[in-house]
PDB file of N, CA and C in Angstrom:
ATOM      1  N   MET A   1      10.689  25.334  36.294  1.00  0.00           N
ATOM      2  CA  MET A   1      10.941  25.408  34.869  1.00  0.00           C
ATOM      3  C   MET A   1       9.621  25.440  34.095  1.00  0.00           C
ATOM      4  N   ARG A   2       8.689  24.582  34.512  1.00  0.00           N
ATOM      5  CA  ARG A   2       7.406  24.521  33.822  1.00  0.00           C
ATOM      6  C   ARG A   2       6.617  25.814  34.010  1.00  0.00           C
ATOM      7  N   SER A   3       6.666  26.384  35.214  1.00  0.00           N
ATOM      8  CA  SER A   3       5.931  27.624  35.462  1.00  0.00           C
ATOM      9  C   SER A   3       6.524  28.770  34.643  1.00  0.00           C
ATOM     10  N   LYS A   4       7.842  28.722  34.407  1.00  0.00           N
ATOM     11  CA  LYS A   4       8.470  29.752  33.587  1.00  0.00           C
ATOM     12  C   LYS A   4       7.989  29.648  32.146  1.00  0.00           C
ATOM     13  N   ARG A   5       7.876  28.409  31.628  1.00  0.00           N
ATOM     14  CA  ARG A   5       7.372  28.220  30.265  1.00  0.00           C
ATOM     15  C   ARG A   5       5.924  28.665  30.149  1.00  0.00           C
ATOM     16  N   LEU A   6       5.123  28.373  31.182  1.00  0.00           N
ATOM     17  CA  LEU A   6       3.730  28.812  31.159  1.00  0.00           C
ATOM     18  C   LEU A   6       3.635  30.338  31.180  1.00  0.00           C
ATOM     19  N   ALA A   7       4.482  30.967  31.967  1.00  0.00           N
ATOM     20  CA  ALA A   7       4.480  32.432  32.025  1.00  0.00           C
ATOM     21  C   ALA A   7       4.892  33.033  30.685  1.00  0.00           C
ATOM     22  N   ILE A   8       5.887  32.453  30.047  1.00  0.00           N
ATOM     23  CA  ILE A   8       6.322  32.939  28.736  1.00  0.00           C
ATOM     24  C   ILE A   8       5.203  32.739  27.709  1.00  0.00           C
ATOM     25  N   GLY A   9       4.561  31.570  27.739  1.00  0.00           N
ATOM     26  CA  GLY A   9       3.444  31.310  26.827  1.00  0.00           C
ATOM     27  C   GLY A   9       2.290  32.265  27.052  1.00  0.00           C
ATOM     28  N   ALA A  10       1.974  32.549  28.317  1.00  0.00           N
ATOM     29  CA  ALA A  10       0.903  33.492  28.624  1.00  0.00           C
ATOM     30  C   ALA A  10       1.271  34.889  28.161  1.00  0.00           C
ATOM     31  N   GLY A  11       2.533  35.264  28.334  1.00  0.00           N
ATOM     32  CA  GLY A  11       2.992  36.572  27.868  1.00  0.00           C
ATOM     33  C   GLY A  11       2.884  36.713  26.359  1.00  0.00           C
ATOM     34  N   LYS A  12       3.282  35.670  25.645  1.00  0.00           N
ATOM     35  CA  LYS A  12       3.172  35.698  24.181  1.00  0.00           C
ATOM     36  C   LYS A  12       1.714  35.782  23.746  1.00  0.00           C
ATOM     37  N   THR A  13       0.855  35.020  24.431  1.00  0.00           N
ATOM     38  CA  THR A  13      -0.573  35.046  24.102  1.00  0.00           C
ATOM     39  C   THR A  13      -1.161  36.429  24.334  1.00  0.00           C
ATOM     40  N   LEU A  14      -0.798  37.050  25.445  1.00  0.00           N
ATOM     41  CA  LEU A  14      -1.281  38.407  25.726  1.00  0.00           C
ATOM     42  C   LEU A  14      -0.752  39.411  24.707  1.00  0.00           C
ATOM     43  N   ALA A  15       0.488  39.247  24.293  1.00  0.00           N
ATOM     44  CA  ALA A  15       1.062  40.160  23.299  1.00  0.00           C
ATOM     45  C   ALA A  15       0.337  40.037  21.963  1.00  0.00           C
ATOM     46  N   VAL A  16       0.079  38.800  21.541  1.00  0.00           N
ATOM     47  CA  VAL A  16      -0.645  38.592  20.286  1.00  0.00           C
ATOM     48  C   VAL A  16      -2.064  39.128  20.397  1.00  0.00           C
ATOM     49  N   ALA A  17      -2.721  38.894  21.525  1.00  0.00           N
ATOM     50  CA  ALA A  17      -4.079  39.407  21.719  1.00  0.00           C
ATOM     51  C   ALA A  17      -4.094  40.935  21.688  1.00  0.00           C
ATOM     52  N   ALA A  18      -3.099  41.567  22.295  1.00  0.00           N
ATOM     53  CA  ALA A  18      -3.025  43.033  22.283  1.00  0.00           C
ATOM     54  C   ALA A  18      -2.827  43.560  20.865  1.00  0.00           C
ATOM     55  N   ILE A  19      -1.992  42.899  20.082  1.00  0.00           N
ATOM     56  CA  ILE A  19      -1.765  43.318  18.696  1.00  0.00           C
ATOM     57  C   ILE A  19      -3.031  43.146  17.868  1.00  0.00           C
ATOM     58  N   VAL A  20      -3.749  42.045  18.070  1.00  0.00           N
ATOM     59  CA  VAL A  20      -4.992  41.810  17.332  1.00  0.00           C
ATOM     60  C   VAL A  20      -6.029  42.862  17.684  1.00  0.00           C
ATOM     61  N   VAL A  21      -6.188  43.159  18.959  1.00  0.00           N
ATOM     62  CA  VAL A  21      -7.153  44.189  19.375  1.00  0.00           C
ATOM     63  C   VAL A  21      -6.731  45.543  18.811  1.00  0.00           C
ATOM     64  N   TRP A  22      -5.443  45.866  18.904  1.00  0.00           N
ATOM     65  CA  TRP A  22      -4.922  47.127  18.387  1.00  0.00           C
ATOM     66  C   TRP A  22      -5.202  47.252  16.884  1.00  0.00           C
ATOM     67  N   SER A  23      -5.112  46.153  16.149  1.00  0.00           N
ATOM     68  CA  SER A  23      -5.308  46.181  14.706  1.00  0.00           C
ATOM     69  C   SER A  23      -6.785  46.193  14.316  1.00  0.00           C
ATOM     70  N   LEU A  24      -7.620  45.460  15.034  1.00  0.00           N
ATOM     71  CA  LEU A  24      -9.017  45.326  14.638  1.00  0.00           C
ATOM     72  C   LEU A  24      -9.930  46.393  15.215  1.00  0.00           C
ATOM     73  N   PHE A  25      -9.515  47.083  16.286  1.00  0.00           N
ATOM     74  CA  PHE A  25     -10.380  48.090  16.891  1.00  0.00           C
ATOM     75  C   PHE A  25     -10.765  49.198  15.919  1.00  0.00           C
ATOM     76  N   PRO A  26      -9.827  49.787  15.158  1.00  0.00           N
ATOM     77  CA  PRO A  26     -10.237  50.845  14.229  1.00  0.00           C
ATOM     78  C   PRO A  26     -11.216  50.368  13.162  1.00  0.00           C
ATOM     79  N   ILE A  27     -11.028  49.155  12.671  1.00  0.00           N
ATOM     80  CA  ILE A  27     -11.934  48.626  11.655  1.00  0.00           C
ATOM     81  C   ILE A  27     -13.319  48.425  12.249  1.00  0.00           C
ATOM     82  N   GLY A  28     -13.383  47.851  13.436  1.00  0.00           N
ATOM     83  CA  GLY A  28     -14.672  47.675  14.105  1.00  0.00           C
ATOM     84  C   GLY A  28     -15.354  48.995  14.406  1.00  0.00           C
ATOM     85  N   PHE A  29     -14.564  49.998  14.804  1.00  0.00           N
ATOM     86  CA  PHE A  29     -15.125  51.313  15.104  1.00  0.00           C
ATOM     87  C   PHE A  29     -15.717  51.945  13.842  1.00  0.00           C
ATOM     88  N   ILE A  30     -15.050  51.792  12.717  1.00  0.00           N
ATOM     89  CA  ILE A  30     -15.561  52.331  11.457  1.00  0.00           C
ATOM     90  C   ILE A  30     -16.841  51.613  11.047  1.00  0.00           C
ATOM     91  N   VAL A  31     -16.864  50.298  11.176  1.00  0.00           N
ATOM     92  CA  VAL A  31     -18.071  49.542  10.819  1.00  0.00           C
ATOM     93  C   VAL A  31     -19.230  49.942  11.729  1.00  0.00           C
ATOM     94  N   LEU A  32     -18.993  50.054  13.029  1.00  0.00           N
ATOM     95  CA  LEU A  32     -20.053  50.485  13.943  1.00  0.00           C
ATOM     96  C   LEU A  32     -20.528  51.890  13.620  1.00  0.00           C
ATOM     97  N   SER A  33     -19.610  52.773  13.266  1.00  0.00           N
ATOM     98  CA  SER A  33     -19.983  54.141  12.937  1.00  0.00           C
ATOM     99  C   SER A  33     -20.833  54.214  11.679  1.00  0.00           C
ATOM    100  N   SER A  34     -20.685  53.256  10.786  1.00  0.00           N
ATOM    101  CA  SER A  34     -21.491  53.280   9.565  1.00  0.00           C
ATOM    102  C   SER A  34     -22.963  53.005   9.857  1.00  0.00           C
ATOM    103  N   PHE A  35     -23.271  52.455  11.013  1.00  0.00           N
ATOM    104  CA  PHE A  35     -24.660  52.191  11.392  1.00  0.00           C
ATOM    105  C   PHE A  35     -25.237  53.277  12.296  1.00  0.00           C
ATOM    106  N   LYS A  36     -24.446  54.316  12.613  1.00  0.00           N
ATOM    107  CA  LYS A  36     -24.919  55.396  13.475  1.00  0.00           C
ATOM    108  C   LYS A  36     -25.617  56.464  12.630  1.00  0.00           C
ATOM    109  N   PRO A  37     -26.593  57.166  13.212  1.00  0.00           N
ATOM    110  CA  PRO A  37     -27.152  58.330  12.517  1.00  0.00           C
ATOM    111  C   PRO A  37     -26.060  59.383  12.313  1.00  0.00           C
ATOM    112  N   GLY A  38     -26.254  60.258  11.329  1.00  0.00           N
ATOM    113  CA  GLY A  38     -25.239  61.218  10.920  1.00  0.00           C
ATOM    114  C   GLY A  38     -24.620  62.029  12.040  1.00  0.00           C
ATOM    115  N   ARG A  39     -25.419  62.595  12.940  1.00  0.00           N
ATOM    116  CA  ARG A  39     -24.880  63.455  13.987  1.00  0.00           C
ATOM    117  C   ARG A  39     -24.120  62.670  15.052  1.00  0.00           C
ATOM    118  N   GLU A  40     -24.466  61.418  15.252  1.00  0.00           N
ATOM    119  CA  GLU A  40     -23.813  60.628  16.295  1.00  0.00           C
ATOM    120  C   GLU A  40     -22.440  60.112  15.883  1.00  0.00           C
ATOM    121  N   ILE A  41     -22.125  60.166  14.594  1.00  0.00           N
ATOM    122  CA  ILE A  41     -20.822  59.679  14.131  1.00  0.00           C
ATOM    123  C   ILE A  41     -19.694  60.502  14.744  1.00  0.00           C
ATOM    124  N   PHE A  42     -19.903  61.823  14.818  1.00  0.00           N
ATOM    125  CA  PHE A  42     -18.845  62.715  15.299  1.00  0.00           C
ATOM    126  C   PHE A  42     -19.056  63.160  16.739  1.00  0.00           C
ATOM    127  N   ALA A  43     -19.891  62.451  17.485  1.00  0.00           N
ATOM    128  CA  ALA A  43     -20.144  62.812  18.880  1.00  0.00           C
ATOM    129  C   ALA A  43     -18.891  62.597  19.728  1.00  0.00           C
ATOM    130  N   VAL A  44     -18.661  63.546  20.659  1.00  0.00           N
ATOM    131  CA  VAL A  44     -17.524  63.434  21.577  1.00  0.00           C
ATOM    132  C   VAL A  44     -18.083  63.461  22.989  1.00  0.00           C
ATOM    133  N   PRO A  45     -17.866  62.468  23.782  1.00  0.00           N
ATOM    134  CA  PRO A  45     -17.215  61.177  23.520  1.00  0.00           C
ATOM    135  C   PRO A  45     -18.137  60.287  22.671  1.00  0.00           C
ATOM    136  N   PRO A  46     -17.556  59.364  21.933  1.00  0.00           N
ATOM    137  CA  PRO A  46     -18.376  58.508  21.071  1.00  0.00           C
ATOM    138  C   PRO A  46     -19.322  57.627  21.878  1.00  0.00           C
ATOM    139  N   GLU A  47     -20.525  57.473  21.367  1.00  0.00           N
ATOM    140  CA  GLU A  47     -21.515  56.622  22.032  1.00  0.00           C
ATOM    141  C   GLU A  47     -21.340  55.179  21.570  1.00  0.00           C
ATOM    142  N   LEU A  48     -21.235  54.276  22.519  1.00  0.00           N
ATOM    143  CA  LEU A  48     -21.082  52.866  22.173  1.00  0.00           C
ATOM    144  C   LEU A  48     -22.422  52.172  21.984  1.00  0.00           C
ATOM    145  N   PHE A  49     -23.462  52.669  22.663  1.00  0.00           N
ATOM    146  CA  PHE A  49     -24.786  52.071  22.546  1.00  0.00           C
ATOM    147  C   PHE A  49     -25.689  53.064  21.821  1.00  0.00           C
ATOM    148  N   PHE A  50     -26.255  52.638  20.711  1.00  0.00           N
ATOM    149  CA  PHE A  50     -27.075  53.508  19.886  1.00  0.00           C
ATOM    150  C   PHE A  50     -28.085  52.661  19.134  1.00  0.00           C
ATOM    151  N   GLU A  51     -29.061  53.319  18.541  1.00  0.00           N
ATOM    152  CA  GLU A  51     -30.039  52.605  17.725  1.00  0.00           C
ATOM    153  C   GLU A  51     -29.519  52.580  16.291  1.00  0.00           C
ATOM    154  N   PRO A  52     -29.226  51.401  15.748  1.00  0.00           N
ATOM    155  CA  PRO A  52     -28.625  51.338  14.411  1.00  0.00           C
ATOM    156  C   PRO A  52     -29.599  51.785  13.322  1.00  0.00           C
ATOM    157  N   THR A  53     -29.019  52.330  12.269  1.00  0.00           N
ATOM    158  CA  THR A  53     -29.795  52.762  11.117  1.00  0.00           C
ATOM    159  C   THR A  53     -29.066  52.351   9.841  1.00  0.00           C
ATOM    160  N   PHE A  54     -29.834  52.137   8.798  1.00  0.00           N
ATOM    161  CA  PHE A  54     -29.261  51.756   7.502  1.00  0.00           C
ATOM    162  C   PHE A  54     -29.366  52.893   6.494  1.00  0.00           C
ATOM    163  N   GLU A  55     -29.577  54.129   6.976  1.00  0.00           N
ATOM    164  CA  GLU A  55     -29.783  55.249   6.061  1.00  0.00           C
ATOM    165  C   GLU A  55     -28.559  55.511   5.185  1.00  0.00           C
ATOM    166  N   HIS A  56     -27.363  55.305   5.713  1.00  0.00           N
ATOM    167  CA  HIS A  56     -26.155  55.531   4.919  1.00  0.00           C
ATOM    168  C   HIS A  56     -26.041  54.504   3.792  1.00  0.00           C
ATOM    169  N   TYR A  57     -26.404  53.270   4.081  1.00  0.00           N
ATOM    170  CA  TYR A  57     -26.341  52.233   3.058  1.00  0.00           C
ATOM    171  C   TYR A  57     -27.442  52.413   2.015  1.00  0.00           C
ATOM    172  N   ALA A  58     -28.625  52.851   2.450  1.00  0.00           N
ATOM    173  CA  ALA A  58     -29.709  53.127   1.498  1.00  0.00           C
ATOM    174  C   ALA A  58     -29.327  54.279   0.572  1.00  0.00           C
ATOM    175  N   SER A  59     -28.709  55.311   1.131  1.00  0.00           N
ATOM    176  CA  SER A  59     -28.257  56.440   0.324  1.00  0.00           C
ATOM    177  C   SER A  59     -27.177  56.003  -0.661  1.00  0.00           C
ATOM    178  N   LEU A  60     -26.259  55.175  -0.190  1.00  0.00           N
ATOM    179  CA  LEU A  60     -25.203  54.670  -1.073  1.00  0.00           C
ATOM    180  C   LEU A  60     -25.793  53.825  -2.198  1.00  0.00           C
ATOM    181  N   TRP A  61     -26.793  53.012  -1.878  1.00  0.00           N
ATOM    182  CA  TRP A  61     -27.446  52.165  -2.881  1.00  0.00           C
ATOM    183  C   TRP A  61     -28.113  53.017  -3.958  1.00  0.00           C
ATOM    184  N   GLN A  62     -28.729  54.125  -3.566  1.00  0.00           N
ATOM    185  CA  GLN A  62     -29.400  54.993  -4.528  1.00  0.00           C
ATOM    186  C   GLN A  62     -28.407  55.784  -5.375  1.00  0.00           C
ATOM    187  N   ARG A  63     -27.342  56.277  -4.755  1.00  0.00           N
ATOM    188  CA  ARG A  63     -26.396  57.132  -5.468  1.00  0.00           C
ATOM    189  C   ARG A  63     -25.380  56.360  -6.303  1.00  0.00           C
ATOM    190  N   TRP A  64     -24.987  55.195  -5.813  1.00  0.00           N
ATOM    191  CA  TRP A  64     -23.912  54.451  -6.464  1.00  0.00           C
ATOM    192  C   TRP A  64     -24.170  52.957  -6.343  1.00  0.00           C
ATOM    193  N   PRO A  65     -25.118  52.418  -7.111  1.00  0.00           N
ATOM    194  CA  PRO A  65     -25.473  50.998  -6.970  1.00  0.00           C
ATOM    195  C   PRO A  65     -24.344  50.043  -7.371  1.00  0.00           C
ATOM    196  N   ALA A  66     -23.419  50.491  -8.211  1.00  0.00           N
ATOM    197  CA  ALA A  66     -22.313  49.615  -8.626  1.00  0.00           C
ATOM    198  C   ALA A  66     -21.338  49.339  -7.477  1.00  0.00           C
ATOM    199  N   PHE A  67     -21.410  50.123  -6.411  1.00  0.00           N
ATOM    200  CA  PHE A  67     -20.520  49.915  -5.268  1.00  0.00           C
ATOM    201  C   PHE A  67     -20.679  48.511  -4.701  1.00  0.00           C
ATOM    202  N   PHE A  68     -21.911  48.048  -4.601  1.00  0.00           N
ATOM    203  CA  PHE A  68     -22.152  46.741  -4.001  1.00  0.00           C
ATOM    204  C   PHE A  68     -21.704  45.604  -4.913  1.00  0.00           C
ATOM    205  N   ASP A  69     -21.695  45.843  -6.241  1.00  0.00           N
ATOM    206  CA  ASP A  69     -21.123  44.841  -7.140  1.00  0.00           C
ATOM    207  C   ASP A  69     -19.627  44.688  -6.877  1.00  0.00           C
ATOM    208  N   GLY A  70     -18.954  45.803  -6.697  1.00  0.00           N
ATOM    209  CA  GLY A  70     -17.530  45.752  -6.369  1.00  0.00           C
ATOM    210  C   GLY A  70     -17.277  45.114  -5.025  1.00  0.00           C
ATOM    211  N   LEU A  71     -18.179  45.356  -4.078  1.00  0.00           N
ATOM    212  CA  LEU A  71     -18.044  44.760  -2.749  1.00  0.00           C
ATOM    213  C   LEU A  71     -18.179  43.236  -2.826  1.00  0.00           C
ATOM    214  N   VAL A  72     -19.129  42.765  -3.609  1.00  0.00           N
ATOM    215  CA  VAL A  72     -19.296  41.313  -3.789  1.00  0.00           C
ATOM    216  C   VAL A  72     -18.052  40.729  -4.444  1.00  0.00           C
ATOM    217  N   ASN A  73     -17.522  41.429  -5.448  1.00  0.00           N
ATOM    218  CA  ASN A  73     -16.315  40.958  -6.108  1.00  0.00           C
ATOM    219  C   ASN A  73     -15.140  40.919  -5.137  1.00  0.00           C
ATOM    220  N   SER A  74     -15.069  41.884  -4.239  1.00  0.00           N
ATOM    221  CA  SER A  74     -13.997  41.908  -3.250  1.00  0.00           C
ATOM    222  C   SER A  74     -14.114  40.762  -2.255  1.00  0.00           C
ATOM    223  N   LEU A  75     -15.285  40.211  -2.082  1.00  0.00           N
ATOM    224  CA  LEU A  75     -15.453  39.055  -1.211  1.00  0.00           C
ATOM    225  C   LEU A  75     -15.200  37.741  -1.947  1.00  0.00           C
ATOM    226  N   ILE A  76     -15.536  37.703  -3.229  1.00  0.00           N
ATOM    227  CA  ILE A  76     -15.368  36.468  -4.006  1.00  0.00           C
ATOM    228  C   ILE A  76     -13.897  36.219  -4.331  1.00  0.00           C
ATOM    229  N   ALA A  77     -13.175  37.249  -4.745  1.00  0.00           N
ATOM    230  CA  ALA A  77     -11.785  37.072  -5.189  1.00  0.00           C
ATOM    231  C   ALA A  77     -10.887  36.475  -4.100  1.00  0.00           C
ATOM    232  N   PRO A  78     -10.902  36.981  -2.867  1.00  0.00           N
ATOM    233  CA  PRO A  78     -10.055  36.336  -1.847  1.00  0.00           C
ATOM    234  C   PRO A  78     -10.471  34.902  -1.545  1.00  0.00           C
ATOM    235  N   GLY A  79     -11.748  34.613  -1.629  1.00  0.00           N
ATOM    236  CA  GLY A  79     -12.209  33.243  -1.414  1.00  0.00           C
ATOM    237  C   GLY A  79     -11.650  32.301  -2.476  1.00  0.00           C
ATOM    238  N   GLN A  80     -11.626  32.776  -3.721  1.00  0.00           N
ATOM    239  CA  GLN A  80     -11.051  31.955  -4.789  1.00  0.00           C
ATOM    240  C   GLN A  80      -9.559  31.735  -4.573  1.00  0.00           C
ATOM    241  N   ARG A  81      -8.856  32.787  -4.151  1.00  0.00           N
ATOM    242  CA  ARG A  81      -7.415  32.646  -3.906  1.00  0.00           C
ATOM    243  C   ARG A  81      -7.154  31.663  -2.764  1.00  0.00           C
ATOM    244  N   ARG A  82      -8.005  31.692  -1.755  1.00  0.00           N
ATOM    245  CA  ARG A  82      -7.840  30.769  -0.629  1.00  0.00           C
ATOM    246  C   ARG A  82      -8.030  29.327  -1.098  1.00  0.00           C
ATOM    247  N   LEU A  83      -9.042  29.084  -1.899  1.00  0.00           N
ATOM    248  CA  LEU A  83      -9.257  27.735  -2.429  1.00  0.00           C
ATOM    249  C   LEU A  83      -8.091  27.283  -3.296  1.00  0.00           C
ATOM    250  N   GLN A  84      -7.576  28.182  -4.109  1.00  0.00           N
ATOM    251  CA  GLN A  84      -6.431  27.821  -4.956  1.00  0.00           C
ATOM    252  C   GLN A  84      -5.201  27.500  -4.113  1.00  0.00           C
ATOM    253  N   SER A  85      -4.971  28.252  -3.060  1.00  0.00           N
ATOM    254  CA  SER A  85      -3.804  27.965  -2.219  1.00  0.00           C
ATOM    255  C   SER A  85      -3.973  26.630  -1.501  1.00  0.00           C
ATOM    256  N   TRP A  86      -5.198  26.299  -1.094  1.00  0.00           N
ATOM    257  CA  TRP A  86      -5.436  24.989  -0.479  1.00  0.00           C
ATOM    258  C   TRP A  86      -5.177  23.866  -1.475  1.00  0.00           C
ATOM    259  N   GLN A  87      -5.570  24.072  -2.721  1.00  0.00           N
ATOM    260  CA  GLN A  87      -5.335  23.052  -3.735  1.00  0.00           C
ATOM    261  C   GLN A  87      -3.833  22.839  -3.950  1.00  0.00           C
ATOM    262  N   VAL A  88      -3.097  23.921  -4.071  1.00  0.00           N
ATOM    263  CA  VAL A  88      -1.652  23.810  -4.285  1.00  0.00           C
ATOM    264  C   VAL A  88      -0.991  23.155  -3.081  1.00  0.00           C
ATOM    265  N   CYS A  89      -1.371  23.572  -1.879  1.00  0.00           N
ATOM    266  CA  CYS A  89      -0.768  22.990  -0.671  1.00  0.00           C
ATOM    267  C   CYS A  89      -1.091  21.510  -0.534  1.00  0.00           C
ATOM    268  N   SER A  90      -2.297  21.115  -0.927  1.00  0.00           N
ATOM    269  CA  SER A  90      -2.643  19.694  -0.826  1.00  0.00           C
ATOM    270  C   SER A  90      -1.845  18.858  -1.813  1.00  0.00           C
ATOM    271  N   LEU A  91      -1.403  19.447  -2.908  1.00  0.00           N
ATOM    272  CA  LEU A  91      -0.566  18.721  -3.856  1.00  0.00           C
ATOM    273  C   LEU A  91       0.901  18.702  -3.415  1.00  0.00           C
ATOM    274  N   VAL A  92       1.358  19.763  -2.786  1.00  0.00           N
ATOM    275  CA  VAL A  92       2.763  19.890  -2.418  1.00  0.00           C
ATOM    276  C   VAL A  92       3.069  19.174  -1.111  1.00  0.00           C
ATOM    277  N   SER A  93       2.136  19.126  -0.193  1.00  0.00           N
ATOM    278  CA  SER A  93       2.406  18.561   1.137  1.00  0.00           C
ATOM    279  C   SER A  93       2.874  17.114   1.109  1.00  0.00           C
ATOM    280  N   PRO A  94       2.229  16.215   0.374  1.00  0.00           N
ATOM    281  CA  PRO A  94       2.735  14.832   0.361  1.00  0.00           C
ATOM    282  C   PRO A  94       4.141  14.737  -0.228  1.00  0.00           C
ATOM    283  N   THR A  95       4.432  15.515  -1.249  1.00  0.00           N
ATOM    284  CA  THR A  95       5.766  15.509  -1.844  1.00  0.00           C
ATOM    285  C   THR A  95       6.793  16.013  -0.835  1.00  0.00           C
ATOM    286  N   HIS A  96       6.446  17.046  -0.126  1.00  0.00           N
ATOM    287  CA  HIS A  96       7.350  17.586   0.892  1.00  0.00           C
ATOM    288  C   HIS A  96       7.603  16.552   1.988  1.00  0.00           C
ATOM    289  N   ALA A  97       6.583  15.820   2.382  1.00  0.00           N
ATOM    290  CA  ALA A  97       6.755  14.806   3.425  1.00  0.00           C
ATOM    291  C   ALA A  97       7.679  13.687   2.950  1.00  0.00           C
ATOM    292  N   ILE A  98       7.560  13.299   1.695  1.00  0.00           N
ATOM    293  CA  ILE A  98       8.418  12.236   1.157  1.00  0.00           C
ATOM    294  C   ILE A  98       9.867  12.713   1.082  1.00  0.00           C
ATOM    295  N   VAL A  99      10.060  13.926   0.571  1.00  0.00           N
ATOM    296  CA  VAL A  99      11.422  14.457   0.449  1.00  0.00           C
ATOM    297  C   VAL A  99      12.043  14.660   1.830  1.00  0.00           C
ATOM    298  N   ALA A 100      11.266  15.102   2.793  1.00  0.00           N
ATOM    299  CA  ALA A 100      11.795  15.333   4.139  1.00  0.00           C
ATOM    300  C   ALA A 100      12.158  14.031   4.830  1.00  0.00           C
ATOM    301  N   SER A 101      11.514  12.930   4.449  1.00  0.00           N
ATOM    302  CA  SER A 101      11.794  11.654   5.115  1.00  0.00           C
ATOM    303  C   SER A 101      13.034  10.963   4.559  1.00  0.00           C
ATOM    304  N   VAL A 102      13.498  11.372   3.402  1.00  0.00           N
ATOM    305  CA  VAL A 102      14.677  10.757   2.800  1.00  0.00           C
ATOM    306  C   VAL A 102      15.925  11.309   3.484  1.00  0.00           C
ATOM    307  N   SER A 103      16.821  10.414   3.823  1.00  0.00           N
ATOM    308  CA  SER A 103      18.081  10.829   4.436  1.00  0.00           C
ATOM    309  C   SER A 103      19.058  11.231   3.329  1.00  0.00           C
ATOM    310  N   TRP A 104      19.423  12.512   3.299  1.00  0.00           N
ATOM    311  CA  TRP A 104      20.295  13.016   2.250  1.00  0.00           C
ATOM    312  C   TRP A 104      21.773  12.961   2.637  1.00  0.00           C
ATOM    313  N   LYS A 105      22.074  12.570   3.864  1.00  0.00           N
ATOM    314  CA  LYS A 105      23.451  12.556   4.318  1.00  0.00           C
ATOM    315  C   LYS A 105      24.261  11.440   3.671  1.00  0.00           C
ATOM    316  N   ASN A 106      23.650  10.312   3.386  1.00  0.00           N
ATOM    317  CA  ASN A 106      24.372   9.153   2.864  1.00  0.00           C
ATOM    318  C   ASN A 106      24.462   9.149   1.346  1.00  0.00           C
ATOM    319  N   ARG A 107      23.934  10.104   0.694  1.00  0.00           N
ATOM    320  CA  ARG A 107      23.920  10.095  -0.770  1.00  0.00           C
ATOM    321  C   ARG A 107      24.968  10.966  -1.348  1.00  0.00           C
TER     322      ARG A 107
END
């Protein structure tokens, strides 16, 4: 019985890991490609080992400097939302624990 539960747990863990890899691989590939020289971006087969360059980011900085302001804002806003959700949860959790401990069957 215990080995069956371990096998099910391992299967679930592998399934979640496969979904995470499936979801994050394209994002990682795009980020890695942003550090490749121009001709190597479209190389077939793609090169995994290359000498990184920042020429694309330097060009972006020169052509559109406001882009990085928006990028900073995109990092700050989710952080603020996360802090706000932690604040709300810290206020609600003790109340939820008290309400859950009360027996409502006898009332």
